[in-house]
């Protein structure tokens, strides 16, 4: 996702790309963000259950992120993570305009936070 984000940023300075090409690259960044986010919160839910023994667990991202924060897994505040939830929800069927722009702007921070969370999960996990 980081490489695709960099590709999106560089697309604006590549005259050989058509507007359609640039739009396709931008849409792919949003789609990768959505996929990465969806996998991450579901992996986090599984981690909370299997590694930390938390049960029962809700089946939606906001409470999962709050539990992760309570268990010291997040390197940013839960409110900052909830921005990702809101961006994911907002872009569910709209990859253009202000909603997509908001998601694009979050991608570099999300990539860093995603990596930090995965590292913390590896440090904390027992298996």
Protein backbone atom coordinates (compact mmCIF):
# COMPACT_ATOMS: atom_id res chain seq x y z
CA UNK A 1 0.00 0.00 0.00
CA UNK A 2 2.88 2.36 0.70
CA UNK A 3 4.22 1.86 -2.82
CA UNK A 4 0.80 2.45 -4.35
CA UNK A 5 0.42 5.63 -2.31
CA UNK A 6 3.80 6.87 -3.54
CA UNK A 7 2.74 6.00 -7.09
CA UNK A 8 -0.40 8.09 -6.62
CA UNK A 9 1.59 11.08 -5.42
CA UNK A 10 4.02 10.78 -8.33
CA UNK A 11 1.24 10.39 -10.91
CA UNK A 12 0.54 14.11 -10.87
CA UNK A 13 4.02 14.85 -12.20
CA UNK A 14 3.94 12.25 -14.98
CA UNK A 15 2.73 13.91 -18.19
CA UNK A 16 2.43 10.60 -20.04
CA UNK A 17 -0.49 9.57 -17.81
CA UNK A 18 -3.97 10.50 -18.88
CA UNK A 19 -6.57 11.79 -16.47
CA UNK A 20 -8.16 8.34 -16.58
CA UNK A 21 -4.83 6.74 -15.62
CA UNK A 22 -4.39 9.16 -12.71
CA UNK A 23 -7.94 8.48 -11.53
CA UNK A 24 -7.32 4.73 -11.70
CA UNK A 25 -4.18 5.04 -9.58
CA UNK A 26 -6.03 7.21 -7.05
CA UNK A 27 -8.93 4.76 -6.85
CA UNK A 28 -6.54 1.87 -6.33
CA UNK A 29 -5.02 3.65 -3.32
CA UNK A 30 -8.46 3.99 -1.75
CA UNK A 31 -9.28 0.36 -2.48
CA UNK A 32 -6.01 -0.83 -0.96
CA UNK A 33 -6.66 1.32 2.10
CA UNK A 34 -10.09 -0.27 2.46
CA UNK A 35 -8.75 -3.79 2.10
CA UNK A 36 -5.82 -3.19 4.44
CA UNK A 37 -8.06 -1.60 7.04
CA UNK A 38 -10.62 -4.42 6.86
CA UNK A 39 -7.96 -7.11 7.24
CA UNK A 40 -6.27 -5.22 10.06
CA UNK A 41 -9.28 -4.79 12.34
CA UNK A 42 -10.34 -8.42 11.80
CA UNK A 43 -6.81 -9.62 12.56
CA UNK A 44 -6.83 -7.41 15.65
CA UNK A 45 -10.14 -8.94 16.77
CA UNK A 46 -8.67 -12.41 16.39
CA UNK A 47 -5.52 -11.37 18.27
CA UNK A 48 -7.54 -9.96 21.17
CA UNK A 49 -9.39 -13.25 21.43
CA UNK A 50 -6.64 -15.79 20.81
CA UNK A 51 -3.61 -14.04 22.30
CA UNK A 52 -5.13 -11.94 25.08
CA UNK A 53 -8.07 -14.22 25.87
CA UNK A 54 -10.71 -11.52 25.59
CA UNK A 55 -14.19 -12.84 25.04
CA UNK A 56 -16.89 -12.22 24.01
CA UNK A 57 -15.80 -9.68 21.42
CA UNK A 58 -17.95 -7.34 19.36
CA UNK A 59 -17.99 -7.78 15.61
CA UNK A 60 -17.38 -4.20 14.57
CA UNK A 61 -14.21 -2.13 14.32
CA UNK A 62 -14.83 0.76 16.72
CA UNK A 63 -15.19 -1.33 19.88
CA UNK A 64 -12.31 -3.56 18.76
CA UNK A 65 -10.07 -0.51 18.44
CA UNK A 66 -11.16 0.73 21.87
CA UNK A 67 -10.25 -2.66 23.36
CA UNK A 68 -6.91 -2.56 21.59
CA UNK A 69 -6.23 0.85 23.12
CA UNK A 70 -7.24 -0.37 26.58
CA UNK A 71 -4.77 -3.23 26.18
CA UNK A 72 -1.89 -0.97 25.13
CA UNK A 73 -1.70 -2.09 21.52
CA UNK A 74 -2.20 1.26 19.78
CA UNK A 75 0.63 3.74 19.40
CA UNK A 76 -1.81 6.59 18.66
CA UNK A 77 -4.97 7.59 20.47
CA UNK A 78 -8.10 5.63 19.74
CA UNK A 79 -9.64 8.82 18.31
CA UNK A 80 -6.93 8.92 15.67
CA UNK A 81 -7.69 5.29 14.80
CA UNK A 82 -11.39 6.08 14.60
CA UNK A 83 -10.55 8.52 11.79
CA UNK A 84 -9.58 5.47 9.76
CA UNK A 85 -12.95 3.87 10.55
CA UNK A 86 -14.76 6.98 9.39
CA UNK A 87 -12.65 7.24 6.23
CA UNK A 88 -13.28 3.57 5.42
CA UNK A 89 -17.01 4.00 5.89
CA UNK A 90 -17.10 7.19 3.82
CA UNK A 91 -15.30 5.61 0.86
CA UNK A 92 -17.33 2.41 0.77
CA UNK A 93 -18.86 3.25 -2.62
CA UNK A 94 -17.31 6.61 -3.53
CA UNK A 95 -13.70 6.76 -4.71
CA UNK A 96 -13.79 10.32 -5.98
CA UNK A 97 -14.12 13.78 -4.56
CA UNK A 98 -13.66 14.95 -1.00
CA UNK A 99 -14.17 11.52 0.60
CA UNK A 100 -11.41 9.95 -1.44
CA UNK A 101 -9.16 12.96 -0.85
CA UNK A 102 -9.62 12.56 2.91
CA UNK A 103 -8.70 8.87 2.64
CA UNK A 104 -5.62 9.62 0.50
CA UNK A 105 -4.40 12.10 3.08
CA UNK A 106 -4.70 9.47 5.84
CA UNK A 107 -2.86 6.73 3.94
CA UNK A 108 0.73 7.64 4.90
CA UNK A 109 -0.22 7.82 8.58
CA UNK A 110 -2.27 4.62 8.31
CA UNK A 111 0.66 2.75 6.78
CA UNK A 112 2.88 3.80 9.69
CA UNK A 113 0.23 3.02 12.30
CA UNK A 114 -0.57 -0.33 10.70
CA UNK A 115 3.09 -1.32 10.87
CA UNK A 116 3.42 -0.14 14.46
CA UNK A 117 0.32 -2.08 15.52
CA UNK A 118 1.50 -5.26 13.83
CA UNK A 119 4.90 -4.91 15.52
CA UNK A 120 3.25 -4.41 18.90
CA UNK A 121 1.05 -7.46 18.31
CA UNK A 122 4.16 -9.55 17.57
CA UNK A 123 5.84 -8.27 20.76
CA UNK A 124 2.75 -8.93 22.88
CA UNK A 125 1.64 -12.26 21.38
CA UNK A 126 2.40 -15.55 23.04
CA UNK A 127 2.36 -17.81 20.00
